[in-house]
């Protein structure tokens, strides 16, 4: 899924289109949002949208990525658990933000559309996973994390509970959930011997 040509688009129209797509996803399910609806809400011609994006998924991926970029940076204060908690708190905040509801729709669509799945992974997941892995490797180097664990496994261990609740609607995704995730991840499931 290729992105728009940034040299050929108006920044005002781009912002209007991205905002319209997110607004529509707040009001209706992802599968009900159309390119025509986005164009109408943004006050642009449908041909303008198709010239810059091949699909509504591409529009929403850019909107979500640009909205999340500033909020999901990975801190490095030297204290691993504090850094993880800070970043994961931002993730929880975004997952609960109605303006971010399009993300759930994209994840659902990704289950039956390999192009969307690949794009979600490449644009949203992998870059952020890489930042987390880099932080975990630094923690391994200074002895804050076991050297024998795969950092990608740690990312999955920590973030999977958030996605489980988000997608399965078992319970709300909350900041308080992080306490449980951290306790189980860093202290384990059984009492230590002794």
Foldseek 3Di string as FASTA:
>chain_A
DDFFDVVPDDPLLLVLLLQLLLVVCLVDPPVPDALVSSCVSSVHDSVRVVNGDVGSLNSPLVSLLVVCVVQQQQDPPPQLVVRVLSNVQSVLVLLPDSSNSVVLRLVVVCVPDVVSVVSCCVRPNVVSLVNQQVNVVVCCVVVNDPPPDRSSVVVCLQCVVQVCCSNVVPDRRDSVVNVVSCCCSVVNDDHDDD
